[in-house]
């Protein structure tokens, strides 16, 4: 086993090399990192962490590993800046998951994004109903950018006199051809009512529905598969 002084020296050495590498590569906020950048950071951490507790690894090996991986990252950064065609391969590209108010099922499937995940991401943007969204873009860092429809406005302050009945609460009733029975019970309705609402929109089976959303007092929002 290495003594404490050797581990201390190697730790400080690895820390300063990683700090220098970060400055050279010009990384900013963690939330702006792409999936490739995140994986690269994990690998760099593993290289340094494993090297610190390996008796056969010295300062030279730590420095060489960081320098080699850092060079590869730097070359990758230069390539994405100089050659536009490499950007989509190395950094990915934004994906439009909602286009003109319609969920893009194939795009979501390709991005490994389901409706529940998308709804959660929309709520983080203060959007509680898909029908309020005109466009939604899944960014390369995994966040979502939202352009609301013109009639949708986000309140700037809490109105203490707001009537609870005026709050727009949405409930997903169908998700990818399956009825969400808990939400159906929440709005005090049954499957017969839901099927009747679908028939009003010339939809014969709920299995043909990709997403259906209910808001009290409004027509059922339905998008077929």
Protein backbone atom coordinates (compact mmCIF):
# COMPACT_ATOMS: atom_id res chain seq x y z
CA UNK A 1 0.00 0.00 0.00
CA UNK A 2 1.14 3.54 -0.72
CA UNK A 3 1.78 5.81 2.24
CA UNK A 4 -0.32 8.88 2.95
CA UNK A 5 2.26 11.33 1.57
CA UNK A 6 2.38 9.57 -1.83
CA UNK A 7 -1.41 9.52 -2.08
CA UNK A 8 -1.52 13.22 -1.14
CA UNK A 9 1.02 14.17 -3.80
CA UNK A 10 -0.72 12.12 -6.49
CA UNK A 11 -4.11 13.52 -5.51
CA UNK A 12 -2.89 17.11 -5.73
CA UNK A 13 -1.15 16.35 -9.01
CA UNK A 14 -4.27 14.79 -10.51
CA UNK A 15 -6.43 17.64 -9.22
CA UNK A 16 -4.33 20.35 -10.81
CA UNK A 17 -4.06 18.48 -14.09
CA UNK A 18 -7.84 18.03 -14.25
CA UNK A 19 -8.31 21.70 -13.36
CA UNK A 20 -5.91 22.73 -16.12
CA UNK A 21 -7.60 20.41 -18.60
CA UNK A 22 -11.00 21.92 -17.79
CA UNK A 23 -9.66 25.40 -18.43
CA UNK A 24 -8.09 24.37 -21.74
CA UNK A 25 -11.26 22.67 -22.98
CA UNK A 26 -13.35 25.66 -21.96
CA UNK A 27 -16.15 23.79 -20.21
CA UNK A 28 -18.81 25.91 -18.54
CA UNK A 29 -21.83 24.74 -16.59
CA UNK A 30 -22.46 21.06 -15.95
CA UNK A 31 -26.06 21.31 -17.16
CA UNK A 32 -24.74 22.46 -20.57
CA UNK A 33 -22.67 19.31 -21.08
CA UNK A 34 -23.69 16.85 -23.76
CA UNK A 35 -23.92 13.11 -23.11
CA UNK A 36 -20.46 12.68 -24.65
CA UNK A 37 -18.98 15.33 -22.33
CA UNK A 38 -20.60 13.67 -19.31
CA UNK A 39 -19.18 10.25 -20.19
CA UNK A 40 -15.76 11.81 -20.77
CA UNK A 41 -15.84 13.41 -17.33
CA UNK A 42 -16.71 10.06 -15.75
CA UNK A 43 -13.85 8.31 -17.53
CA UNK A 44 -11.37 11.00 -16.48
CA UNK A 45 -12.53 10.64 -12.88
CA UNK A 46 -12.12 6.86 -13.04
CA UNK A 47 -8.64 7.14 -14.54
CA UNK A 48 -7.42 9.42 -11.78
CA UNK A 49 -9.32 7.70 -8.97
CA UNK A 50 -8.09 4.21 -9.82
CA UNK A 51 -4.54 5.42 -10.33
CA UNK A 52 -4.35 6.97 -6.87
CA UNK A 53 -4.75 3.63 -5.09
CA UNK A 54 -2.66 1.49 -7.42
CA UNK A 55 0.82 0.82 -6.02
CA UNK A 56 2.29 0.38 -9.49
CA UNK A 57 0.97 3.68 -10.82
CA UNK A 58 2.98 6.86 -10.30
CA UNK A 59 2.80 10.51 -11.26
CA UNK A 60 3.96 9.76 -14.79
CA UNK A 61 1.13 7.33 -15.43
CA UNK A 62 -1.49 9.71 -14.02
CA UNK A 63 -0.15 12.58 -16.10
CA UNK A 64 0.05 10.45 -19.23
CA UNK A 65 -3.55 9.19 -18.86
CA UNK A 66 -4.95 12.68 -18.33
CA UNK A 67 -2.84 14.15 -21.14
CA UNK A 68 -3.85 11.42 -23.61
CA UNK A 69 -7.57 11.60 -22.82
CA UNK A 70 -7.46 15.38 -22.71
CA UNK A 71 -5.83 15.46 -26.14
CA UNK A 72 -8.59 13.25 -27.55
CA UNK A 73 -11.24 15.55 -26.05
CA UNK A 74 -9.49 18.63 -27.41
CA UNK A 75 -9.27 17.14 -30.90
CA UNK A 76 -12.95 16.28 -30.68
CA UNK A 77 -13.83 19.85 -29.70
CA UNK A 78 -11.81 21.26 -32.60
CA UNK A 79 -13.42 18.80 -35.00
CA UNK A 80 -16.95 19.84 -33.98
CA UNK A 81 -16.03 23.50 -34.44
CA UNK A 82 -14.26 23.14 -37.79
CA UNK A 83 -16.36 20.42 -39.40
CA UNK A 84 -20.12 20.92 -39.08
CA UNK A 85 -20.94 17.38 -40.21
CA UNK A 86 -19.28 15.92 -37.11
CA UNK A 87 -21.48 17.88 -34.68
CA UNK A 88 -24.55 15.70 -34.95
CA UNK A 89 -22.43 12.56 -34.50
CA UNK A 90 -20.34 13.74 -31.56
CA UNK A 91 -22.68 16.20 -29.84
CA UNK A 92 -26.08 15.10 -31.08
CA UNK A 93 -28.75 17.44 -32.39
CA UNK A 94 -31.90 18.96 -30.93
CA UNK A 95 -35.14 17.05 -31.60
CA UNK A 96 -38.59 18.57 -32.01
CA UNK A 97 -40.83 16.44 -29.81
CA UNK A 98 -43.93 18.66 -30.12
CA UNK A 99 -44.63 20.29 -33.49
CA UNK A 100 -47.56 22.68 -33.84
CA UNK A 101 -49.16 21.20 -30.74
CA UNK A 102 -48.76 17.59 -31.88
CA UNK A 103 -46.61 14.98 -30.16
CA UNK A 104 -43.98 13.55 -32.49
CA UNK A 105 -44.23 9.88 -31.59
CA UNK A 106 -41.40 8.64 -33.84
CA UNK A 107 -39.03 11.37 -32.66
CA UNK A 108 -39.83 10.58 -29.03
CA UNK A 109 -39.24 6.88 -29.59
CA UNK A 110 -35.90 7.57 -31.28
CA UNK A 111 -34.88 9.80 -28.37
CA UNK A 112 -35.98 7.13 -25.84
CA UNK A 113 -38.46 9.63 -24.39
CA UNK A 114 -41.90 8.54 -23.20
CA UNK A 115 -44.94 10.70 -22.49
CA UNK A 116 -44.52 10.61 -18.71
CA UNK A 117 -40.94 11.86 -18.97
CA UNK A 118 -41.98 14.61 -21.36
CA UNK A 119 -44.81 15.71 -19.06
CA UNK A 120 -42.38 15.90 -16.16
CA UNK A 121 -39.97 18.03 -18.21
CA UNK A 122 -42.81 20.33 -19.28
CA UNK A 123 -43.91 20.80 -15.68
CA UNK A 124 -40.39 21.97 -14.85
CA UNK A 125 -41.07 24.74 -17.39
CA UNK A 126 -44.38 25.65 -15.70
CA UNK A 127 -46.40 23.93 -18.43
CA UNK A 128 -49.07 21.58 -17.11
CA UNK A 129 -50.88 20.72 -20.34
CA UNK A 130 -49.59 19.60 -23.71
CA UNK A 131 -52.36 21.57 -25.40
CA UNK A 132 -50.65 24.76 -24.18
CA UNK A 133 -47.48 23.93 -26.14
CA UNK A 134 -46.89 24.99 -29.71
CA UNK A 135 -43.33 23.66 -29.99
CA UNK A 136 -41.08 21.69 -27.65
CA UNK A 137 -37.47 20.89 -28.44
CA UNK A 138 -35.39 18.23 -26.69
CA UNK A 139 -31.92 19.76 -26.43
CA UNK A 140 -28.62 17.87 -26.67
CA UNK A 141 -28.06 18.27 -22.91
CA UNK A 142 -31.34 16.49 -22.13
CA UNK A 143 -33.37 19.57 -21.22
CA UNK A 144 -36.49 20.73 -23.07
CA UNK A 145 -37.16 24.17 -24.54
CA UNK A 146 -40.81 25.18 -24.83
CA UNK A 147 -42.67 27.67 -27.00
CA UNK A 148 -46.16 28.13 -25.63
CA UNK A 149 -49.21 28.92 -27.68
CA UNK A 150 -50.23 32.56 -27.74
CA UNK A 151 -53.28 32.02 -25.52
CA UNK A 152 -51.17 30.40 -22.78
CA UNK A 153 -49.75 32.79 -20.23
CA UNK A 154 -47.59 31.98 -17.22
CA UNK A 155 -48.66 33.89 -14.09
CA UNK A 156 -45.90 36.11 -12.69
CA UNK A 157 -47.20 35.99 -9.13
CA UNK A 158 -49.45 33.87 -6.95
CA UNK A 159 -53.02 35.12 -6.92
CA UNK A 160 -54.31 34.40 -3.41
CA UNK A 161 -57.89 35.12 -4.51
CA UNK A 162 -57.79 32.55 -7.32
CA UNK A 163 -60.78 30.25 -7.43
CA UNK A 164 -59.65 26.60 -7.32
CA UNK A 165 -62.14 25.84 -10.10
CA UNK A 166 -60.26 28.27 -12.38
CA UNK A 167 -56.99 26.34 -12.10
CA UNK A 168 -56.21 24.38 -15.28
CA UNK A 169 -55.47 20.88 -13.99
CA UNK A 170 -54.83 18.36 -16.72
CA UNK A 171 -55.14 14.58 -16.43
CA UNK A 172 -53.62 12.11 -18.86
CA UNK A 173 -56.31 9.52 -19.53
CA UNK A 174 -54.65 7.49 -22.29
CA UNK A 175 -50.97 6.89 -22.80
CA UNK A 176 -49.81 4.95 -25.85
CA UNK A 177 -53.02 2.96 -26.23
CA UNK A 178 -53.51 2.24 -22.52
CA UNK A 179 -56.12 3.78 -20.24
CA UNK A 180 -54.79 5.39 -17.06
CA UNK A 181 -57.53 4.21 -14.71
CA UNK A 182 -56.30 6.11 -11.66
CA UNK A 183 -56.67 9.43 -13.46
CA UNK A 184 -60.04 8.35 -14.81
CA UNK A 185 -61.23 7.75 -11.25
CA UNK A 186 -59.74 11.08 -10.20
CA UNK A 187 -62.07 12.94 -12.56
CA UNK A 188 -64.96 10.69 -11.42
CA UNK A 189 -65.56 9.10 -14.81
CA UNK A 190 -65.44 5.55 -16.18
CA UNK A 191 -64.25 3.77 -19.30
CA UNK A 192 -67.69 3.99 -20.92
CA UNK A 193 -67.59 7.78 -20.65
CA UNK A 194 -64.10 7.85 -22.13
CA UNK A 195 -65.03 5.65 -25.06
CA UNK A 196 -68.08 7.83 -25.70
CA UNK A 197 -65.86 10.92 -25.78
CA UNK A 198 -63.57 9.20 -28.26
CA UNK A 199 -66.48 8.25 -30.50
CA UNK A 200 -67.49 11.90 -30.62
CA UNK A 201 -64.14 12.49 -32.31
CA UNK A 202 -64.64 9.52 -34.66
CA UNK A 203 -62.19 7.29 -32.79
CA UNK A 204 -63.46 3.74 -32.41
CA UNK A 205 -60.94 2.36 -29.91
CA UNK A 206 -58.76 3.79 -27.18
CA UNK A 207 -56.00 1.47 -28.43
CA UNK A 208 -55.69 3.79 -31.44
CA UNK A 209 -54.92 6.76 -29.18
CA UNK A 210 -51.35 7.78 -28.45
CA UNK A 211 -52.28 10.41 -25.88
CA UNK A 212 -55.51 11.80 -24.43
CA UNK A 213 -55.69 14.62 -21.93
CA UNK A 214 -58.62 15.93 -19.90
CA UNK A 215 -59.21 19.43 -18.54
CA UNK A 216 -62.52 20.20 -16.86
CA UNK A 217 -64.83 22.23 -19.05
CA UNK A 218 -62.86 21.64 -22.25
CA UNK A 219 -63.04 19.16 -25.10
CA UNK A 220 -60.95 16.04 -24.59
CA UNK A 221 -57.55 16.50 -26.22
CA UNK A 222 -56.77 13.41 -28.30
CA UNK A 223 -53.88 12.44 -30.54
CA UNK A 224 -54.07 9.14 -32.36
CA UNK A 225 -51.19 6.76 -33.04
